[in-house]
Amino acid sequence: MTIQFYQQNANSFFDATVAVDMSSLYAPFVTAVVPKGKILDAGCGSGRDSKAFSEMGFEVDAFDASAEMVVLATDYTGLPVRQQTFADLNDGERYDGIWCCASLLHVGMDALPDAMQRLSRALKPGGAWYVSFKYGEGERLKDGRHFTDLNEAGLNALVAGLPDIHISSMWKTQDKRPDRDEIWLNALLVKSTAR
């Protein structure tokens, strides 16, 4: 259902999000990733963040579940964006940083632990991982999209199932789009280096 929304509204979603200034959210993430490191933009949407990280000198892989978004993001970034879902991710310790900006929130609560496990496995020890969810609790449908909202307790519970991952910082922000009055929960996660 959510993928269908992005298939049908890819151009309008691209136009609404591609120019949003995300630099304040990039800052804590990129300072935690090794210079010129390999970043995965998981659920990249328009490709806005992939392009920004690439221009900062990082090596970027990106994927999105929507074929239409993949076409737009590939054109915009010049990167070979893959069409896949979180359930298709099978990489082991490949990335220095993983960026999940407003993407995991479309995964159902029952499937979120598996998605988090897959992302955790793909992150190198010492790697940084950014996630964001709309602030709240529970699952809902809105305008043809599924949302899983989380508050601090919900995110803590989710991360508790990942033995190598801890929350480095967690903070709330206003939506960066001028026409949206929504609160977001942001977190920077780190994978431990000790084995």
C-alpha atoms as a PDB file:
ATOM      1  CA  MET A   1       0.000   0.000   0.000  1.00  0.00           C
ATOM      2  CA  THR A   2       2.739   2.483   0.971  1.00  0.00           C
ATOM      3  CA  ILE A   3       4.857   1.514  -2.053  1.00  0.00           C
ATOM      4  CA  GLN A   4       1.808   2.069  -4.253  1.00  0.00           C
ATOM      5  CA  PHE A   5       1.468   5.594  -2.805  1.00  0.00           C
ATOM      6  CA  TYR A   6       5.062   6.407  -3.789  1.00  0.00           C
ATOM      7  CA  GLN A   7       4.609   4.820  -7.221  1.00  0.00           C
ATOM      8  CA  GLN A   8       1.609   7.063  -7.886  1.00  0.00           C
ATOM      9  CA  ASN A   9       2.956  10.213  -6.217  1.00  0.00           C
ATOM     10  CA  ALA A  10       6.683   9.935  -6.941  1.00  0.00           C
ATOM     11  CA  ASN A  11       7.021  13.242  -8.763  1.00  0.00           C
ATOM     12  CA  SER A  12       5.090  15.308  -6.241  1.00  0.00           C
ATOM     13  CA  PHE A  13       6.934  13.668  -3.324  1.00  0.00           C
ATOM     14  CA  PHE A  14      10.273  14.307  -5.046  1.00  0.00           C
ATOM     15  CA  ASP A  15       9.369  17.974  -5.610  1.00  0.00           C
ATOM     16  CA  ALA A  16       8.217  18.410  -1.995  1.00  0.00           C
ATOM     17  CA  THR A  17      11.304  16.904  -0.378  1.00  0.00           C
ATOM     18  CA  VAL A  18      14.333  17.246  -2.640  1.00  0.00           C
ATOM     19  CA  ALA A  19      15.194  20.841  -1.656  1.00  0.00           C
ATOM     20  CA  VAL A  20      14.564  20.568   2.109  1.00  0.00           C
ATOM     21  CA  ASP A  21      17.614  21.756   4.079  1.00  0.00           C
ATOM     22  CA  MET A  22      18.708  18.794   6.218  1.00  0.00           C
ATOM     23  CA  SER A  23      22.167  20.088   7.162  1.00  0.00           C
ATOM     24  CA  SER A  24      21.354  20.291  10.893  1.00  0.00           C
ATOM     25  CA  LEU A  25      20.494  16.582  10.845  1.00  0.00           C
ATOM     26  CA  TYR A  26      23.509  15.636   8.722  1.00  0.00           C
ATOM     27  CA  ALA A  27      25.977  17.246  11.152  1.00  0.00           C
ATOM     28  CA  PRO A  28      25.867  14.760  14.079  1.00  0.00           C
ATOM     29  CA  PHE A  29      25.789  11.812  11.675  1.00  0.00           C
ATOM     30  CA  VAL A  30      28.646  12.726   9.344  1.00  0.00           C
ATOM     31  CA  THR A  31      30.947  13.675  12.232  1.00  0.00           C
ATOM     32  CA  ALA A  32      30.434  10.128  13.588  1.00  0.00           C
ATOM     33  CA  VAL A  33      31.273   8.440  10.252  1.00  0.00           C
ATOM     34  CA  VAL A  34      34.906   7.966   9.219  1.00  0.00           C
ATOM     35  CA  PRO A  35      35.971  10.435   6.487  1.00  0.00           C
ATOM     36  CA  LYS A  36      35.334   9.077   2.983  1.00  0.00           C
ATOM     37  CA  GLY A  37      33.527   6.139   4.601  1.00  0.00           C
ATOM     38  CA  LYS A  38      30.843   4.012   2.973  1.00  0.00           C
ATOM     39  CA  ILE A  39      27.262   5.128   3.729  1.00  0.00           C
ATOM     40  CA  LEU A  40      24.021   3.306   3.027  1.00  0.00           C
ATOM     41  CA  ASP A  41      20.999   5.561   2.429  1.00  0.00           C
ATOM     42  CA  ALA A  42      18.265   3.050   3.243  1.00  0.00           C
ATOM     43  CA  GLY A  43      14.923   4.148   1.827  1.00  0.00           C
ATOM     44  CA  CYS A  44      16.464   7.091  -0.004  1.00  0.00           C
ATOM     45  CA  GLY A  45      13.309   8.639  -1.484  1.00  0.00           C
ATOM     46  CA  SER A  46      14.307  11.535  -3.736  1.00  0.00           C
ATOM     47  CA  GLY A  47      18.030  10.868  -3.266  1.00  0.00           C
ATOM     48  CA  ARG A  48      18.488  14.269  -1.608  1.00  0.00           C
ATOM     49  CA  ASP A  49      20.594  12.883   1.245  1.00  0.00           C
ATOM     50  CA  SER A  50      22.544  10.441  -0.950  1.00  0.00           C
ATOM     51  CA  LYS A  51      23.588  13.349  -3.165  1.00  0.00           C
ATOM     52  CA  ALA A  52      24.598  15.456  -0.160  1.00  0.00           C
ATOM     53  CA  PHE A  53      26.729  12.676   1.351  1.00  0.00           C
ATOM     54  CA  SER A  54      28.325  11.932  -2.009  1.00  0.00           C
ATOM     55  CA  GLU A  55      29.224  15.612  -2.421  1.00  0.00           C
ATOM     56  CA  MET A  56      30.823  15.494   1.068  1.00  0.00           C
ATOM     57  CA  GLY A  57      33.199  12.801  -0.203  1.00  0.00           C
ATOM     58  CA  PHE A  58      31.507   9.703   1.158  1.00  0.00           C
ATOM     59  CA  GLU A  59      30.983   6.553  -0.898  1.00  0.00           C
ATOM     60  CA  VAL A  60      27.210   6.084  -1.049  1.00  0.00           C
ATOM     61  CA  ASP A  61      24.955   3.112  -1.710  1.00  0.00           C
ATOM     62  CA  ALA A  62      21.233   3.802  -1.831  1.00  0.00           C
ATOM     63  CA  PHE A  63      18.001   1.873  -2.196  1.00  0.00           C
ATOM     64  CA  ASP A  64      14.278   2.507  -2.177  1.00  0.00           C
ATOM     65  CA  ALA A  65      11.279   0.185  -2.387  1.00  0.00           C
ATOM     66  CA  SER A  66       9.485   2.239  -5.051  1.00  0.00           C
ATOM     67  CA  ALA A  67      10.597   1.720  -8.658  1.00  0.00           C
ATOM     68  CA  GLU A  68       9.449   5.238  -9.565  1.00  0.00           C
ATOM     69  CA  MET A  69      11.442   6.797  -6.721  1.00  0.00           C
ATOM     70  CA  VAL A  70      14.497   4.750  -7.769  1.00  0.00           C
ATOM     71  CA  VAL A  71      14.320   6.234 -11.280  1.00  0.00           C
ATOM     72  CA  LEU A  72      14.017   9.802  -9.948  1.00  0.00           C
ATOM     73  CA  ALA A  73      16.756   9.318  -7.323  1.00  0.00           C
ATOM     74  CA  THR A  74      19.119   7.743  -9.861  1.00  0.00           C
ATOM     75  CA  ASP A  75      18.594  10.646 -12.264  1.00  0.00           C
ATOM     76  CA  TYR A  76      19.052  13.221  -9.492  1.00  0.00           C
ATOM     77  CA  THR A  77      22.115  11.713  -7.811  1.00  0.00           C
ATOM     78  CA  GLY A  78      23.913   9.992 -10.673  1.00  0.00           C
ATOM     79  CA  LEU A  79      24.265   7.012  -8.322  1.00  0.00           C
ATOM     80  CA  PRO A  80      23.107   3.460  -9.137  1.00  0.00           C
ATOM     81  CA  VAL A  81      20.133   3.425  -6.733  1.00  0.00           C
ATOM     82  CA  ARG A  82      18.765  -0.091  -6.160  1.00  0.00           C
ATOM     83  CA  GLN A  83      15.131  -1.094  -5.884  1.00  0.00           C
ATOM     84  CA  GLN A  84      14.752  -3.210  -2.758  1.00  0.00           C
ATOM     85  CA  THR A  85      13.165  -3.296   0.687  1.00  0.00           C
ATOM     86  CA  PHE A  86      14.686  -3.630   4.141  1.00  0.00           C
ATOM     87  CA  ALA A  87      13.785  -7.336   3.996  1.00  0.00           C
ATOM     88  CA  ASP A  88      16.129  -7.700   0.980  1.00  0.00           C
ATOM     89  CA  LEU A  89      19.167  -6.358   2.866  1.00  0.00           C
ATOM     90  CA  ASN A  90      21.695  -9.117   3.543  1.00  0.00           C
ATOM     91  CA  ASP A  91      25.015  -7.266   3.833  1.00  0.00           C
ATOM     92  CA  GLY A  92      27.449  -8.077   6.631  1.00  0.00           C
ATOM     93  CA  GLU A  93      29.506  -5.277   8.221  1.00  0.00           C
ATOM     94  CA  ARG A  94      29.761  -3.355   4.970  1.00  0.00           C
ATOM     95  CA  TYR A  95      28.916   0.230   5.964  1.00  0.00           C
ATOM     96  CA  ASP A  96      30.614   2.879   8.101  1.00  0.00           C
ATOM     97  CA  GLY A  97      27.314   4.717   8.323  1.00  0.00           C
ATOM     98  CA  ILE A  98      23.649   3.931   7.719  1.00  0.00           C
ATOM     99  CA  TRP A  99      21.083   6.679   7.145  1.00  0.00           C
ATOM    100  CA  CYS A 100      17.393   5.848   7.684  1.00  0.00           C
ATOM    101  CA  CYS A 101      15.697   9.226   7.386  1.00  0.00           C
ATOM    102  CA  ALA A 102      11.892   8.869   7.452  1.00  0.00           C
ATOM    103  CA  SER A 103      12.109   5.385   5.955  1.00  0.00           C
ATOM    104  CA  LEU A 104      11.830   2.835   8.781  1.00  0.00           C
ATOM    105  CA  LEU A 105       8.593   4.549   9.819  1.00  0.00           C
ATOM    106  CA  HIS A 106       6.851   2.799   6.911  1.00  0.00           C
ATOM    107  CA  VAL A 107       7.797  -0.647   8.237  1.00  0.00           C
ATOM    108  CA  GLY A 108       5.073  -2.348  10.277  1.00  0.00           C
ATOM    109  CA  MET A 109       5.715  -2.885  13.984  1.00  0.00           C
ATOM    110  CA  ASP A 110       5.801  -6.657  13.465  1.00  0.00           C
ATOM    111  CA  ALA A 111       8.508  -6.360  10.766  1.00  0.00           C
ATOM    112  CA  LEU A 112      10.592  -3.604  12.418  1.00  0.00           C
ATOM    113  CA  PRO A 113      12.752  -5.920  14.598  1.00  0.00           C
ATOM    114  CA  ASP A 114      13.841  -7.895  11.510  1.00  0.00           C
ATOM    115  CA  ALA A 115      14.600  -4.701   9.562  1.00  0.00           C
ATOM    116  CA  MET A 116      16.645  -3.382  12.486  1.00  0.00           C
ATOM    117  CA  GLN A 117      18.565  -6.667  12.763  1.00  0.00           C
ATOM    118  CA  ARG A 118      19.402  -6.565   9.043  1.00  0.00           C
ATOM    119  CA  LEU A 119      20.603  -2.965   9.250  1.00  0.00           C
ATOM    120  CA  SER A 120      22.621  -3.727  12.387  1.00  0.00           C
ATOM    121  CA  ARG A 121      24.367  -6.623  10.622  1.00  0.00           C
ATOM    122  CA  ALA A 122      25.204  -4.358   7.652  1.00  0.00           C
ATOM    123  CA  LEU A 123      26.916  -1.782   9.891  1.00  0.00           C
ATOM    124  CA  LYS A 124      30.636  -2.109  10.634  1.00  0.00           C
ATOM    125  CA  PRO A 125      31.762  -2.150  14.288  1.00  0.00           C
ATOM    126  CA  GLY A 126      32.166   1.475  15.374  1.00  0.00           C
ATOM    127  CA  GLY A 127      29.757   2.581  12.654  1.00  0.00           C
ATOM    128  CA  ALA A 128      27.054   5.252  13.070  1.00  0.00           C
ATOM    129  CA  TRP A 129      23.375   4.829  12.215  1.00  0.00           C
ATOM    130  CA  TYR A 130      20.766   7.596  12.022  1.00  0.00           C
ATOM    131  CA  VAL A 131      17.040   6.854  12.325  1.00  0.00           C
ATOM    132  CA  SER A 132      13.966   9.076  12.434  1.00  0.00           C
ATOM    133  CA  PHE A 133      10.309   8.399  13.185  1.00  0.00           C
ATOM    134  CA  LYS A 134       7.274  10.597  13.561  1.00  0.00           C
ATOM    135  CA  TYR A 135       6.836  11.157  17.280  1.00  0.00           C
ATOM    136  CA  GLY A 136       4.080   9.108  18.897  1.00  0.00           C
ATOM    137  CA  GLU A 137       3.058   5.534  19.561  1.00  0.00           C
ATOM    138  CA  GLY A 138       1.448   2.824  17.494  1.00  0.00           C
ATOM    139  CA  GLU A 139       0.617   2.222  13.867  1.00  0.00           C
ATOM    140  CA  ARG A 140      -1.707   4.196  11.623  1.00  0.00           C
ATOM    141  CA  LEU A 141      -2.758   4.691   8.044  1.00  0.00           C
ATOM    142  CA  LYS A 142      -2.759   8.181   6.591  1.00  0.00           C
ATOM    143  CA  ASP A 143      -3.433   9.179   2.968  1.00  0.00           C
ATOM    144  CA  GLY A 144      -2.609   5.714   1.675  1.00  0.00           C
ATOM    145  CA  ARG A 145       0.598   5.248   3.679  1.00  0.00           C
ATOM    146  CA  HIS A 146       1.362   3.103   6.704  1.00  0.00           C
ATOM    147  CA  PHE A 147       3.201   4.749   9.605  1.00  0.00           C
ATOM    148  CA  THR A 148       4.776   3.263  12.712  1.00  0.00           C
ATOM    149  CA  ASP A 149       5.233   6.111  15.191  1.00  0.00           C
ATOM    150  CA  LEU A 150       7.720   5.875  18.058  1.00  0.00           C
ATOM    151  CA  ASN A 151       8.494   7.805  21.213  1.00  0.00           C
ATOM    152  CA  GLU A 152      11.642   7.478  23.313  1.00  0.00           C
ATOM    153  CA  ALA A 153      10.381   4.361  25.144  1.00  0.00           C
ATOM    154  CA  GLY A 154       9.418   2.693  21.870  1.00  0.00           C
ATOM    155  CA  LEU A 155      12.797   3.332  20.273  1.00  0.00           C
ATOM    156  CA  ASN A 156      14.646   2.206  23.402  1.00  0.00           C
ATOM    157  CA  ALA A 157      12.666  -1.044  23.366  1.00  0.00           C
ATOM    158  CA  LEU A 158      13.421  -1.587  19.673  1.00  0.00           C
ATOM    159  CA  VAL A 159      17.154  -0.994  20.098  1.00  0.00           C
ATOM    160  CA  ALA A 160      17.250  -3.217  23.216  1.00  0.00           C
ATOM    161  CA  GLY A 161      16.848  -6.193  20.868  1.00  0.00           C
ATOM    162  CA  LEU A 162      20.155  -5.332  19.148  1.00  0.00           C
ATOM    163  CA  PRO A 163      22.997  -6.435  21.452  1.00  0.00           C
ATOM    164  CA  ASP A 164      25.781  -4.588  19.583  1.00  0.00           C
ATOM    165  CA  ILE A 165      23.872  -1.309  19.162  1.00  0.00           C
ATOM    166  CA  HIS A 166      23.449   1.522  21.653  1.00  0.00           C
ATOM    167  CA  ILE A 167      21.768   4.904  21.373  1.00  0.00           C
ATOM    168  CA  SER A 168      24.397   7.633  21.357  1.00  0.00           C
ATOM    169  CA  SER A 169      21.871  10.488  21.318  1.00  0.00           C
ATOM    170  CA  MET A 170      18.151  11.018  20.853  1.00  0.00           C
ATOM    171  CA  TRP A 171      16.377  14.312  20.164  1.00  0.00           C
ATOM    172  CA  LYS A 172      13.137  15.772  18.829  1.00  0.00           C
ATOM    173  CA  THR A 173      12.833  18.211  15.935  1.00  0.00           C
ATOM    174  CA  GLN A 174      10.123  20.090  14.085  1.00  0.00           C
ATOM    175  CA  ASP A 175       9.438  18.927  10.545  1.00  0.00           C
ATOM    176  CA  LYS A 176      11.880  20.657   8.172  1.00  0.00           C
ATOM    177  CA  ARG A 177       9.143  21.296   5.600  1.00  0.00           C
ATOM    178  CA  PRO A 178       7.540  24.729   6.132  1.00  0.00           C
ATOM    179  CA  ASP A 179       3.968  23.474   5.611  1.00  0.00           C
ATOM    180  CA  ARG A 180       4.234  20.649   8.197  1.00  0.00           C
ATOM    181  CA  ASP A 181       3.594  20.997  11.900  1.00  0.00           C
ATOM    182  CA  GLU A 182       4.900  17.624  13.030  1.00  0.00           C
ATOM    183  CA  ILE A 183       7.397  16.448  15.614  1.00  0.00           C
ATOM    184  CA  TRP A 184      10.085  13.903  14.708  1.00  0.00           C
ATOM    185  CA  LEU A 185      12.093  11.610  16.949  1.00  0.00           C
ATOM    186  CA  ASN A 186      15.713  11.410  15.782  1.00  0.00           C
ATOM    187  CA  ALA A 187      18.438   9.139  17.093  1.00  0.00           C
ATOM    188  CA  LEU A 188      22.069   8.401  16.435  1.00  0.00           C
ATOM    189  CA  LEU A 189      22.942   4.780  17.095  1.00  0.00           C
ATOM    190  CA  VAL A 190      26.459   3.350  17.327  1.00  0.00           C
ATOM    191  CA  LYS A 191      27.676  -0.227  16.894  1.00  0.00           C
ATOM    192  CA  SER A 192      30.124  -1.368  19.535  1.00  0.00           C
ATOM    193  CA  THR A 193      33.629  -2.371  18.510  1.00  0.00           C
ATOM    194  CA  ALA A 194      34.154  -4.931  21.306  1.00  0.00           C
ATOM    195  CA  ARG A 195      33.532  -8.553  20.402  1.00  0.00           C
END
